[in-house]
PDB file of N, CA and C in Angstrom:
ATOM      1  N   UNK A   1    -174.037 232.689 -28.107  1.00  0.00           N
ATOM      2  CA  UNK A   1    -174.944 232.471 -27.140  1.00  0.00           C
ATOM      3  C   UNK A   1    -176.205 233.458 -27.553  1.00  0.00           C
ATOM      4  N   UNK A   2    -177.456 232.671 -27.414  1.00  0.00           N
ATOM      5  CA  UNK A   2    -178.558 233.262 -27.997  1.00  0.00           C
ATOM      6  C   UNK A   2    -179.586 233.740 -26.653  1.00  0.00           C
ATOM      7  N   UNK A   3    -179.888 235.142 -26.639  1.00  0.00           N
ATOM      8  CA  UNK A   3    -180.647 235.691 -25.663  1.00  0.00           C
ATOM      9  C   UNK A   3    -182.076 235.615 -26.330  1.00  0.00           C
ATOM     10  N   UNK A   4    -183.092 235.196 -25.512  1.00  0.00           N
ATOM     11  CA  UNK A   4    -184.460 235.049 -25.662  1.00  0.00           C
ATOM     12  C   UNK A   4    -185.353 235.579 -24.690  1.00  0.00           C
ATOM     13  N   UNK A   5    -186.099 236.689 -24.789  1.00  0.00           N
ATOM     14  CA  UNK A   5    -186.970 237.043 -23.943  1.00  0.00           C
ATOM     15  C   UNK A   5    -188.434 236.293 -24.030  1.00  0.00           C
ATOM     16  N   UNK A   6    -188.905 235.999 -22.928  1.00  0.00           N
ATOM     17  CA  UNK A   6    -189.983 235.353 -22.757  1.00  0.00           C
ATOM     18  C   UNK A   6    -190.964 235.522 -21.747  1.00  0.00           C
ATOM     19  N   UNK A   7    -192.254 235.310 -21.978  1.00  0.00           N
ATOM     20  CA  UNK A   7    -193.261 235.775 -20.669  1.00  0.00           C
ATOM     21  C   UNK A   7    -193.784 234.435 -20.191  1.00  0.00           C
ATOM     22  N   UNK A   8    -194.285 234.307 -19.039  1.00  0.00           N
ATOM     23  CA  UNK A   8    -195.083 233.313 -18.606  1.00  0.00           C
ATOM     24  C   UNK A   8    -196.231 233.736 -17.803  1.00  0.00           C
ATOM     25  N   UNK A   9    -197.353 232.803 -17.700  1.00  0.00           N
ATOM     26  CA  UNK A   9    -198.499 233.172 -17.269  1.00  0.00           C
ATOM     27  C   UNK A   9    -199.111 231.977 -16.474  1.00  0.00           C
ATOM     28  N   UNK A  10    -199.772 232.243 -15.499  1.00  0.00           N
ATOM     29  CA  UNK A  10    -200.299 231.123 -14.739  1.00  0.00           C
ATOM     30  C   UNK A  10    -201.446 231.569 -13.721  1.00  0.00           C
ATOM     31  N   UNK A  11    -202.556 230.613 -13.595  1.00  0.00           N
ATOM     32  CA  UNK A  11    -203.527 230.962 -12.430  1.00  0.00           C
ATOM     33  C   UNK A  11    -203.036 230.106 -11.378  1.00  0.00           C
ATOM     34  N   UNK A  12    -202.932 230.642 -10.141  1.00  0.00           N
ATOM     35  CA  UNK A  12    -202.354 230.044  -9.012  1.00  0.00           C
ATOM     36  C   UNK A  12    -203.430 229.563  -8.195  1.00  0.00           C
ATOM     37  N   UNK A  13    -203.314 228.302  -7.905  1.00  0.00           N
ATOM     38  CA  UNK A  13    -204.337 227.629  -6.985  1.00  0.00           C
ATOM     39  C   UNK A  13    -203.564 227.072  -5.585  1.00  0.00           C
ATOM     40  N   UNK A  14    -204.017 226.260  -4.850  1.00  0.00           N
ATOM     41  CA  UNK A  14    -203.461 225.683  -3.863  1.00  0.00           C
ATOM     42  C   UNK A  14    -202.610 224.426  -4.239  1.00  0.00           C
ATOM     43  N   UNK A  15    -202.513 223.966  -5.338  1.00  0.00           N
ATOM     44  CA  UNK A  15    -201.829 222.961  -5.666  1.00  0.00           C
ATOM     45  C   UNK A  15    -200.558 223.441  -6.169  1.00  0.00           C
ATOM     46  N   UNK A  16    -199.412 223.053  -5.496  1.00  0.00           N
ATOM     47  CA  UNK A  16    -198.088 223.585  -5.969  1.00  0.00           C
ATOM     48  C   UNK A  16    -197.724 223.321  -7.604  1.00  0.00           C
ATOM     49  N   UNK A  17    -197.439 224.289  -8.365  1.00  0.00           N
ATOM     50  CA  UNK A  17    -197.331 224.204  -9.748  1.00  0.00           C
ATOM     51  C   UNK A  17    -196.054 224.872 -10.171  1.00  0.00           C
ATOM     52  N   UNK A  18    -195.206 224.036 -10.959  1.00  0.00           N
ATOM     53  CA  UNK A  18    -194.035 224.770 -11.640  1.00  0.00           C
ATOM     54  C   UNK A  18    -194.571 225.970 -12.549  1.00  0.00           C
ATOM     55  N   UNK A  19    -193.871 227.120 -12.330  1.00  0.00           N
ATOM     56  CA  UNK A  19    -194.088 228.206 -13.076  1.00  0.00           C
ATOM     57  C   UNK A  19    -193.072 228.619 -14.276  1.00  0.00           C
ATOM     58  N   UNK A  20    -191.686 228.700 -13.766  1.00  0.00           N
ATOM     59  CA  UNK A  20    -190.918 228.991 -14.681  1.00  0.00           C
ATOM     60  C   UNK A  20    -189.731 227.816 -14.451  1.00  0.00           C
ATOM     61  N   UNK A  21    -189.162 227.480 -15.467  1.00  0.00           N
ATOM     62  CA  UNK A  21    -188.187 226.327 -15.481  1.00  0.00           C
ATOM     63  C   UNK A  21    -187.122 226.732 -16.508  1.00  0.00           C
ATOM     64  N   UNK A  22    -185.679 226.858 -16.021  1.00  0.00           N
ATOM     65  CA  UNK A  22    -184.553 227.263 -16.839  1.00  0.00           C
ATOM     66  C   UNK A  22    -184.327 226.001 -17.668  1.00  0.00           C
ATOM     67  N   UNK A  23    -183.855 226.405 -19.092  1.00  0.00           N
ATOM     68  CA  UNK A  23    -183.510 225.422 -19.898  1.00  0.00           C
ATOM     69  C   UNK A  23    -182.689 224.254 -19.297  1.00  0.00           C
ATOM     70  N   UNK A  24    -182.652 223.036 -19.983  1.00  0.00           N
ATOM     71  CA  UNK A  24    -182.218 221.687 -19.522  1.00  0.00           C
ATOM     72  C   UNK A  24    -180.739 221.697 -19.961  1.00  0.00           C
ATOM     73  N   UNK A  25    -180.239 222.491 -20.772  1.00  0.00           N
ATOM     74  CA  UNK A  25    -179.013 222.250 -21.471  1.00  0.00           C
ATOM     75  C   UNK A  25    -177.896 222.894 -20.593  1.00  0.00           C
ATOM     76  N   UNK A  26    -176.770 222.007 -20.128  1.00  0.00           N
ATOM     77  CA  UNK A  26    -175.746 222.572 -19.176  1.00  0.00           C
ATOM     78  C   UNK A  26    -175.292 223.875 -19.702  1.00  0.00           C
ATOM     79  N   UNK A  27    -175.151 224.636 -18.705  1.00  0.00           N
ATOM     80  CA  UNK A  27    -174.639 226.134 -19.066  1.00  0.00           C
ATOM     81  C   UNK A  27    -175.666 227.071 -19.398  1.00  0.00           C
ATOM     82  N   UNK A  28    -176.822 226.542 -19.663  1.00  0.00           N
ATOM     83  CA  UNK A  28    -178.011 227.535 -20.010  1.00  0.00           C
ATOM     84  C   UNK A  28    -178.643 228.095 -18.735  1.00  0.00           C
ATOM     85  N   UNK A  29    -179.199 229.368 -18.713  1.00  0.00           N
ATOM     86  CA  UNK A  29    -179.731 229.910 -17.673  1.00  0.00           C
ATOM     87  C   UNK A  29    -181.012 230.742 -18.096  1.00  0.00           C
ATOM     88  N   UNK A  30    -181.661 231.149 -17.054  1.00  0.00           N
ATOM     89  CA  UNK A  30    -182.904 231.815 -17.084  1.00  0.00           C
ATOM     90  C   UNK A  30    -182.963 233.011 -16.052  1.00  0.00           C
ATOM     91  N   UNK A  31    -183.131 234.091 -16.487  1.00  0.00           N
ATOM     92  CA  UNK A  31    -182.928 235.308 -15.535  1.00  0.00           C
ATOM     93  C   UNK A  31    -184.430 235.739 -15.606  1.00  0.00           C
ATOM     94  N   UNK A  32    -184.953 235.792 -14.248  1.00  0.00           N
ATOM     95  CA  UNK A  32    -186.492 236.337 -14.048  1.00  0.00           C
ATOM     96  C   UNK A  32    -186.189 237.732 -13.897  1.00  0.00           C
ATOM     97  N   UNK A  33    -186.661 238.553 -14.715  1.00  0.00           N
ATOM     98  CA  UNK A  33    -186.742 239.926 -14.419  1.00  0.00           C
ATOM     99  C   UNK A  33    -187.601 240.634 -13.798  1.00  0.00           C
ATOM    100  N   UNK A  34    -188.881 239.995 -13.789  1.00  0.00           N
ATOM    101  CA  UNK A  34    -190.235 240.298 -12.969  1.00  0.00           C
ATOM    102  C   UNK A  34    -190.989 239.183 -12.672  1.00  0.00           C
ATOM    103  N   UNK A  35    -191.443 239.237 -11.441  1.00  0.00           N
ATOM    104  CA  UNK A  35    -192.395 238.015 -11.088  1.00  0.00           C
ATOM    105  C   UNK A  35    -193.572 238.702 -10.262  1.00  0.00           C
ATOM    106  N   UNK A  36    -194.676 238.742 -10.863  1.00  0.00           N
ATOM    107  CA  UNK A  36    -195.602 239.552 -10.111  1.00  0.00           C
ATOM    108  C   UNK A  36    -196.946 238.706 -10.031  1.00  0.00           C
ATOM    109  N   UNK A  37    -197.551 238.848  -8.732  1.00  0.00           N
ATOM    110  CA  UNK A  37    -198.733 238.036  -8.444  1.00  0.00           C
ATOM    111  C   UNK A  37    -199.846 239.033  -8.183  1.00  0.00           C
ATOM    112  N   UNK A  38    -200.997 238.891  -8.904  1.00  0.00           N
ATOM    113  CA  UNK A  38    -202.240 239.697  -8.835  1.00  0.00           C
ATOM    114  C   UNK A  38    -203.094 238.983  -8.230  1.00  0.00           C
ATOM    115  N   UNK A  39    -203.993 239.729  -7.350  1.00  0.00           N
ATOM    116  CA  UNK A  39    -205.176 239.090  -6.639  1.00  0.00           C
ATOM    117  C   UNK A  39    -206.292 239.593  -7.328  1.00  0.00           C
ATOM    118  N   UNK A  40    -207.126 238.784  -8.135  1.00  0.00           N
ATOM    119  CA  UNK A  40    -208.117 239.216  -9.165  1.00  0.00           C
ATOM    120  C   UNK A  40    -209.419 239.253  -8.367  1.00  0.00           C
ATOM    121  N   UNK A  41    -209.432 238.965  -7.139  1.00  0.00           N
ATOM    122  CA  UNK A  41    -210.737 238.778  -6.505  1.00  0.00           C
ATOM    123  C   UNK A  41    -210.882 240.218  -5.786  1.00  0.00           C
ATOM    124  N   UNK A  42    -212.178 240.701  -5.862  1.00  0.00           N
ATOM    125  CA  UNK A  42    -212.385 241.911  -5.573  1.00  0.00           C
ATOM    126  C   UNK A  42    -212.532 242.132  -4.023  1.00  0.00           C
ATOM    127  N   UNK A  43    -212.624 240.974  -3.357  1.00  0.00           N
ATOM    128  CA  UNK A  43    -213.190 241.143  -1.845  1.00  0.00           C
ATOM    129  C   UNK A  43    -212.354 240.396  -0.976  1.00  0.00           C
ATOM    130  N   UNK A  44    -211.530 239.194  -1.354  1.00  0.00           N
ATOM    131  CA  UNK A  44    -210.996 238.433  -0.444  1.00  0.00           C
ATOM    132  C   UNK A  44    -209.298 238.479  -0.642  1.00  0.00           C
ATOM    133  N   UNK A  45    -208.724 238.308   0.411  1.00  0.00           N
ATOM    134  CA  UNK A  45    -207.250 238.140   0.285  1.00  0.00           C
ATOM    135  C   UNK A  45    -206.730 236.885   0.261  1.00  0.00           C
ATOM    136  N   UNK A  46    -205.729 236.684  -0.387  1.00  0.00           N
ATOM    137  CA  UNK A  46    -205.239 235.369  -0.574  1.00  0.00           C
ATOM    138  C   UNK A  46    -203.690 235.341  -0.162  1.00  0.00           C
ATOM    139  N   UNK A  47    -203.042 234.177  -0.214  1.00  0.00           N
ATOM    140  CA  UNK A  47    -201.592 234.048   0.119  1.00  0.00           C
ATOM    141  C   UNK A  47    -200.877 233.385  -1.014  1.00  0.00           C
ATOM    142  N   UNK A  48    -199.525 233.675  -1.310  1.00  0.00           N
ATOM    143  CA  UNK A  48    -198.631 233.190  -2.182  1.00  0.00           C
ATOM    144  C   UNK A  48    -197.466 232.585  -1.726  1.00  0.00           C
ATOM    145  N   UNK A  49    -197.126 231.607  -1.892  1.00  0.00           N
ATOM    146  CA  UNK A  49    -195.714 230.844  -1.799  1.00  0.00           C
ATOM    147  C   UNK A  49    -195.073 230.491  -2.821  1.00  0.00           C
ATOM    148  N   UNK A  50    -193.744 231.158  -3.046  1.00  0.00           N
ATOM    149  CA  UNK A  50    -193.138 230.880  -4.109  1.00  0.00           C
ATOM    150  C   UNK A  50    -191.697 230.517  -3.882  1.00  0.00           C
ATOM    151  N   UNK A  51    -191.350 229.281  -4.441  1.00  0.00           N
ATOM    152  CA  UNK A  51    -190.029 228.541  -3.995  1.00  0.00           C
ATOM    153  C   UNK A  51    -189.002 228.482  -5.118  1.00  0.00           C
ATOM    154  N   UNK A  52    -187.830 228.693  -5.032  1.00  0.00           N
ATOM    155  CA  UNK A  52    -186.830 228.359  -6.111  1.00  0.00           C
ATOM    156  C   UNK A  52    -186.386 226.916  -5.728  1.00  0.00           C
ATOM    157  N   UNK A  53    -186.423 225.998  -6.732  1.00  0.00           N
ATOM    158  CA  UNK A  53    -186.198 224.652  -6.459  1.00  0.00           C
ATOM    159  C   UNK A  53    -184.885 224.187  -7.361  1.00  0.00           C
ATOM    160  N   UNK A  54    -183.823 223.763  -6.603  1.00  0.00           N
ATOM    161  CA  UNK A  54    -182.557 223.529  -7.497  1.00  0.00           C
ATOM    162  C   UNK A  54    -182.908 222.395  -8.375  1.00  0.00           C
ATOM    163  N   UNK A  55    -182.043 221.970  -9.361  1.00  0.00           N
ATOM    164  CA  UNK A  55    -182.207 221.041 -10.250  1.00  0.00           C
ATOM    165  C   UNK A  55    -182.137 219.711  -9.506  1.00  0.00           C
ATOM    166  N   UNK A  56    -181.503 219.620  -8.492  1.00  0.00           N
ATOM    167  CA  UNK A  56    -181.693 218.259  -7.642  1.00  0.00           C
ATOM    168  C   UNK A  56    -182.888 217.870  -7.119  1.00  0.00           C
ATOM    169  N   UNK A  57    -183.796 218.865  -7.077  1.00  0.00           N
ATOM    170  CA  UNK A  57    -185.217 218.690  -6.684  1.00  0.00           C
ATOM    171  C   UNK A  57    -185.403 218.777  -5.065  1.00  0.00           C
ATOM    172  N   UNK A  58    -184.442 218.766  -4.379  1.00  0.00           N
ATOM    173  CA  UNK A  58    -184.587 218.832  -3.019  1.00  0.00           C
ATOM    174  C   UNK A  58    -184.251 220.052  -2.233  1.00  0.00           C
ATOM    175  N   UNK A  59    -183.162 220.770  -2.855  1.00  0.00           N
ATOM    176  CA  UNK A  59    -182.782 222.021  -2.326  1.00  0.00           C
ATOM    177  C   UNK A  59    -183.682 223.140  -2.710  1.00  0.00           C
ATOM    178  N   UNK A  60    -184.116 223.876  -1.624  1.00  0.00           N
ATOM    179  CA  UNK A  60    -185.352 224.887  -1.968  1.00  0.00           C
ATOM    180  C   UNK A  60    -185.005 226.244  -1.120  1.00  0.00           C
ATOM    181  N   UNK A  61    -185.326 227.273  -1.658  1.00  0.00           N
ATOM    182  CA  UNK A  61    -185.380 228.623  -1.103  1.00  0.00           C
ATOM    183  C   UNK A  61    -186.633 229.251  -1.503  1.00  0.00           C
ATOM    184  N   UNK A  62    -187.101 230.004  -0.210  1.00  0.00           N
ATOM    185  CA  UNK A  62    -188.423 230.737  -0.740  1.00  0.00           C
ATOM    186  C   UNK A  62    -188.214 232.307  -0.965  1.00  0.00           C
ATOM    187  N   UNK A  63    -188.861 232.600  -1.975  1.00  0.00           N
ATOM    188  CA  UNK A  63    -188.768 234.043  -2.532  1.00  0.00           C
ATOM    189  C   UNK A  63    -190.060 234.736  -1.762  1.00  0.00           C
ATOM    190  N   UNK A  64    -191.041 233.929  -1.404  1.00  0.00           N
ATOM    191  CA  UNK A  64    -192.233 234.360  -0.578  1.00  0.00           C
ATOM    192  C   UNK A  64    -192.633 233.228   0.192  1.00  0.00           C
ATOM    193  N   UNK A  65    -193.143 233.236   1.392  1.00  0.00           N
ATOM    194  CA  UNK A  65    -193.724 232.273   2.070  1.00  0.00           C
ATOM    195  C   UNK A  65    -195.069 232.780   2.866  1.00  0.00           C
ATOM    196  N   UNK A  66    -196.266 232.229   2.147  1.00  0.00           N
ATOM    197  CA  UNK A  66    -197.635 232.603   2.574  1.00  0.00           C
ATOM    198  C   UNK A  66    -197.642 234.091   2.750  1.00  0.00           C
ATOM    199  N   UNK A  67    -197.100 234.682   1.822  1.00  0.00           N
ATOM    200  CA  UNK A  67    -197.355 236.252   1.662  1.00  0.00           C
ATOM    201  C   UNK A  67    -198.714 236.707   1.327  1.00  0.00           C
ATOM    202  N   UNK A  68    -199.256 237.472   2.204  1.00  0.00           N
ATOM    203  CA  UNK A  68    -200.692 238.168   1.927  1.00  0.00           C
ATOM    204  C   UNK A  68    -200.714 238.982   0.600  1.00  0.00           C
ATOM    205  N   UNK A  69    -201.620 238.580  -0.253  1.00  0.00           N
ATOM    206  CA  UNK A  69    -201.883 239.653  -1.271  1.00  0.00           C
ATOM    207  C   UNK A  69    -203.351 240.000  -1.182  1.00  0.00           C
ATOM    208  N   UNK A  70    -203.376 241.340  -0.782  1.00  0.00           N
ATOM    209  CA  UNK A  70    -204.651 241.703  -0.560  1.00  0.00           C
ATOM    210  C   UNK A  70    -205.572 241.599  -1.898  1.00  0.00           C
ATOM    211  N   UNK A  71    -206.967 241.592  -1.573  1.00  0.00           N
ATOM    212  CA  UNK A  71    -207.817 241.889  -2.865  1.00  0.00           C
ATOM    213  C   UNK A  71    -207.613 242.804  -3.747  1.00  0.00           C
ATOM    214  N   UNK A  72    -207.560 242.673  -5.092  1.00  0.00           N
ATOM    215  CA  UNK A  72    -207.377 243.867  -5.791  1.00  0.00           C
ATOM    216  C   UNK A  72    -206.081 244.408  -6.087  1.00  0.00           C
ATOM    217  N   UNK A  73    -205.105 243.677  -5.644  1.00  0.00           N
ATOM    218  CA  UNK A  73    -203.779 244.303  -5.476  1.00  0.00           C
ATOM    219  C   UNK A  73    -202.544 243.323  -6.086  1.00  0.00           C
ATOM    220  N   UNK A  74    -201.584 243.849  -6.535  1.00  0.00           N
ATOM    221  CA  UNK A  74    -200.194 242.961  -6.885  1.00  0.00           C
ATOM    222  C   UNK A  74    -199.137 243.103  -5.983  1.00  0.00           C
ATOM    223  N   UNK A  75    -198.257 241.936  -6.159  1.00  0.00           N
ATOM    224  CA  UNK A  75    -196.971 242.098  -5.167  1.00  0.00           C
ATOM    225  C   UNK A  75    -195.948 241.538  -6.323  1.00  0.00           C
ATOM    226  N   UNK A  76    -194.942 242.177  -6.143  1.00  0.00           N
ATOM    227  CA  UNK A  76    -193.708 241.961  -6.882  1.00  0.00           C
ATOM    228  C   UNK A  76    -192.722 241.006  -6.203  1.00  0.00           C
ATOM    229  N   UNK A  77    -192.572 239.909  -6.473  1.00  0.00           N
ATOM    230  CA  UNK A  77    -191.667 238.879  -5.766  1.00  0.00           C
ATOM    231  C   UNK A  77    -190.339 238.859  -6.302  1.00  0.00           C
ATOM    232  N   UNK A  78    -189.906 239.359  -7.431  1.00  0.00           N
ATOM    233  CA  UNK A  78    -188.407 239.366  -7.479  1.00  0.00           C
ATOM    234  C   UNK A  78    -187.947 240.864  -7.101  1.00  0.00           C
ATOM    235  N   UNK A  79    -188.764 241.541  -6.523  1.00  0.00           N
ATOM    236  CA  UNK A  79    -188.169 242.903  -5.847  1.00  0.00           C
ATOM    237  C   UNK A  79    -187.438 243.784  -7.066  1.00  0.00           C
ATOM    238  N   UNK A  80    -186.362 244.426  -6.414  1.00  0.00           N
ATOM    239  CA  UNK A  80    -185.795 245.103  -7.270  1.00  0.00           C
ATOM    240  C   UNK A  80    -184.484 244.375  -7.834  1.00  0.00           C
ATOM    241  N   UNK A  81    -184.401 243.207  -7.445  1.00  0.00           N
ATOM    242  CA  UNK A  81    -183.145 242.387  -7.760  1.00  0.00           C
ATOM    243  C   UNK A  81    -183.694 241.404  -8.894  1.00  0.00           C
ATOM    244  N   UNK A  82    -182.954 240.611  -9.431  1.00  0.00           N
ATOM    245  CA  UNK A  82    -183.381 239.561 -10.298  1.00  0.00           C
ATOM    246  C   UNK A  82    -183.007 238.177  -9.856  1.00  0.00           C
ATOM    247  N   UNK A  83    -183.890 237.278 -10.344  1.00  0.00           N
ATOM    248  CA  UNK A  83    -183.570 235.767  -9.998  1.00  0.00           C
ATOM    249  C   UNK A  83    -182.962 235.149 -11.057  1.00  0.00           C
ATOM    250  N   UNK A  84    -181.856 234.553 -10.747  1.00  0.00           N
ATOM    251  CA  UNK A  84    -181.149 233.597 -11.630  1.00  0.00           C
ATOM    252  C   UNK A  84    -181.569 232.390 -11.517  1.00  0.00           C
ATOM    253  N   UNK A  85    -181.905 231.663 -12.584  1.00  0.00           N
ATOM    254  CA  UNK A  85    -182.073 230.068 -12.388  1.00  0.00           C
ATOM    255  C   UNK A  85    -181.020 229.464 -13.208  1.00  0.00           C
ATOM    256  N   UNK A  86    -180.218 228.523 -12.516  1.00  0.00           N
ATOM    257  CA  UNK A  86    -179.313 227.710 -13.247  1.00  0.00           C
ATOM    258  C   UNK A  86    -179.917 226.573 -14.164  1.00  0.00           C
ATOM    259  N   UNK A  87    -179.333 225.857 -15.092  1.00  0.00           N
ATOM    260  CA  UNK A  87    -179.709 224.860 -15.500  1.00  0.00           C
ATOM    261  C   UNK A  87    -180.861 223.928 -14.872  1.00  0.00           C
ATOM    262  N   UNK A  88    -182.049 223.830 -15.417  1.00  0.00           N
ATOM    263  CA  UNK A  88    -183.138 222.998 -14.911  1.00  0.00           C
ATOM    264  C   UNK A  88    -183.650 223.515 -13.314  1.00  0.00           C
ATOM    265  N   UNK A  89    -183.172 224.521 -12.889  1.00  0.00           N
ATOM    266  CA  UNK A  89    -183.787 225.159 -11.715  1.00  0.00           C
ATOM    267  C   UNK A  89    -185.178 225.676 -12.062  1.00  0.00           C
ATOM    268  N   UNK A  90    -186.049 225.620 -11.031  1.00  0.00           N
ATOM    269  CA  UNK A  90    -187.503 226.207 -11.363  1.00  0.00           C
ATOM    270  C   UNK A  90    -187.972 226.944 -10.132  1.00  0.00           C
ATOM    271  N   UNK A  91    -189.039 227.711 -10.449  1.00  0.00           N
ATOM    272  CA  UNK A  91    -189.808 228.557  -9.481  1.00  0.00           C
ATOM    273  C   UNK A  91    -191.155 227.717  -9.637  1.00  0.00           C
ATOM    274  N   UNK A  92    -191.587 227.467  -8.230  1.00  0.00           N
ATOM    275  CA  UNK A  92    -192.903 226.650  -7.992  1.00  0.00           C
ATOM    276  C   UNK A  92    -193.984 227.766  -7.383  1.00  0.00           C
ATOM    277  N   UNK A  93    -195.025 227.809  -7.684  1.00  0.00           N
ATOM    278  CA  UNK A  93    -196.047 228.800  -6.874  1.00  0.00           C
ATOM    279  C   UNK A  93    -197.117 228.026  -6.331  1.00  0.00           C
ATOM    280  N   UNK A  94    -197.754 228.439  -5.270  1.00  0.00           N
ATOM    281  CA  UNK A  94    -198.701 227.780  -4.441  1.00  0.00           C
ATOM    282  C   UNK A  94    -199.632 228.973  -3.751  1.00  0.00           C
ATOM    283  N   UNK A  95    -200.965 228.823  -4.028  1.00  0.00           N
ATOM    284  CA  UNK A  95    -201.589 229.893  -3.419  1.00  0.00           C
ATOM    285  C   UNK A  95    -202.235 229.293  -2.239  1.00  0.00           C
ATOM    286  N   UNK A  96    -202.987 230.319  -1.514  1.00  0.00           N
ATOM    287  CA  UNK A  96    -203.653 229.822  -0.307  1.00  0.00           C
ATOM    288  C   UNK A  96    -204.970 229.279  -0.560  1.00  0.00           C
ATOM    289  N   UNK A  97    -205.613 229.605  -1.804  1.00  0.00           N
ATOM    290  CA  UNK A  97    -207.224 229.224  -1.995  1.00  0.00           C
ATOM    291  C   UNK A  97    -206.935 228.528  -3.249  1.00  0.00           C
ATOM    292  N   UNK A  98    -207.997 227.256  -3.212  1.00  0.00           N
ATOM    293  CA  UNK A  98    -207.872 226.614  -4.513  1.00  0.00           C
ATOM    294  C   UNK A  98    -208.619 227.211  -5.654  1.00  0.00           C
ATOM    295  N   UNK A  99    -209.299 228.369  -5.469  1.00  0.00           N
ATOM    296  CA  UNK A  99    -210.197 229.032  -6.567  1.00  0.00           C
ATOM    297  C   UNK A  99    -209.394 229.443  -7.600  1.00  0.00           C
ATOM    298  N   UNK A 100    -208.101 229.824  -7.571  1.00  0.00           N
ATOM    299  CA  UNK A 100    -207.257 230.689  -8.594  1.00  0.00           C
ATOM    300  C   UNK A 100    -207.602 232.055  -8.530  1.00  0.00           C
ATOM    301  N   UNK A 101    -207.828 232.752  -7.344  1.00  0.00           N
ATOM    302  CA  UNK A 101    -207.901 234.049  -7.212  1.00  0.00           C
ATOM    303  C   UNK A 101    -206.634 234.742  -7.675  1.00  0.00           C
ATOM    304  N   UNK A 102    -205.411 234.095  -7.666  1.00  0.00           N
ATOM    305  CA  UNK A 102    -204.319 234.724  -7.970  1.00  0.00           C
ATOM    306  C   UNK A 102    -203.752 234.459  -9.462  1.00  0.00           C
ATOM    307  N   UNK A 103    -203.268 235.534 -10.117  1.00  0.00           N
ATOM    308  CA  UNK A 103    -202.736 235.270 -11.561  1.00  0.00           C
ATOM    309  C   UNK A 103    -201.278 235.760 -11.344  1.00  0.00           C
ATOM    310  N   UNK A 104    -200.245 234.774 -11.942  1.00  0.00           N
ATOM    311  CA  UNK A 104    -198.970 235.209 -11.948  1.00  0.00           C
ATOM    312  C   UNK A 104    -198.485 235.502 -13.367  1.00  0.00           C
ATOM    313  N   UNK A 105    -197.445 236.450 -13.482  1.00  0.00           N
ATOM    314  CA  UNK A 105    -196.806 236.839 -14.581  1.00  0.00           C
ATOM    315  C   UNK A 105    -195.330 236.954 -14.298  1.00  0.00           C
ATOM    316  N   UNK A 106    -194.691 236.490 -15.374  1.00  0.00           N
ATOM    317  CA  UNK A 106    -193.204 236.725 -15.028  1.00  0.00           C
ATOM    318  C   UNK A 106    -192.509 237.151 -16.488  1.00  0.00           C
ATOM    319  N   UNK A 107    -191.620 237.819 -16.487  1.00  0.00           N
ATOM    320  CA  UNK A 107    -190.757 238.294 -17.650  1.00  0.00           C
ATOM    321  C   UNK A 107    -189.506 237.665 -17.568  1.00  0.00           C
ATOM    322  N   UNK A 108    -188.976 236.889 -18.541  1.00  0.00           N
ATOM    323  CA  UNK A 108    -187.778 236.100 -18.408  1.00  0.00           C
ATOM    324  C   UNK A 108    -186.812 236.148 -19.473  1.00  0.00           C
ATOM    325  N   UNK A 109    -185.382 236.217 -19.226  1.00  0.00           N
ATOM    326  CA  UNK A 109    -184.388 236.293 -20.237  1.00  0.00           C
ATOM    327  C   UNK A 109    -183.714 235.019 -20.293  1.00  0.00           C
ATOM    328  N   UNK A 110    -183.995 234.141 -21.173  1.00  0.00           N
ATOM    329  CA  UNK A 110    -183.233 232.873 -21.242  1.00  0.00           C
ATOM    330  C   UNK A 110    -181.893 233.141 -22.130  1.00  0.00           C
ATOM    331  N   UNK A 111    -180.747 232.587 -21.524  1.00  0.00           N
ATOM    332  CA  UNK A 111    -179.402 232.640 -22.166  1.00  0.00           C
ATOM    333  C   UNK A 111    -178.991 231.253 -22.410  1.00  0.00           C
ATOM    334  N   UNK A 112    -178.913 230.814 -23.757  1.00  0.00           N
ATOM    335  CA  UNK A 112    -178.603 229.620 -24.070  1.00  0.00           C
ATOM    336  C   UNK A 112    -177.242 229.610 -25.047  1.00  0.00           C
ATOM    337  N   UNK A 113    -176.687 228.426 -25.085  1.00  0.00           N
ATOM    338  CA  UNK A 113    -175.475 228.267 -25.954  1.00  0.00           C
ATOM    339  C   UNK A 113    -175.884 227.840 -27.174  1.00  0.00           C
TER     340      UNK A 113
END
């Protein structure tokens, strides 16, 4: 098995966008070690919605639902736990504003066969 550390970056807008996707090979996983969202706007709050979407495309669970991210601050969505994505599972992010005031960062460990 190979272990590979990766980083992901994204400007978050009001359009739902895939952020982290686990490898597509059966048995491979991705462990999200941190998932941080930062509001780079100096004056306006925004909201973040983060969903884990199962590989079937219909089963979903929220990590955050319209969580407020105050101006000039960051929130940690993985908390003190980790998020395990099984084969082809993904995390999708949606901001409240179309402007892209939110920036997302994730640190991921991919375990592949």
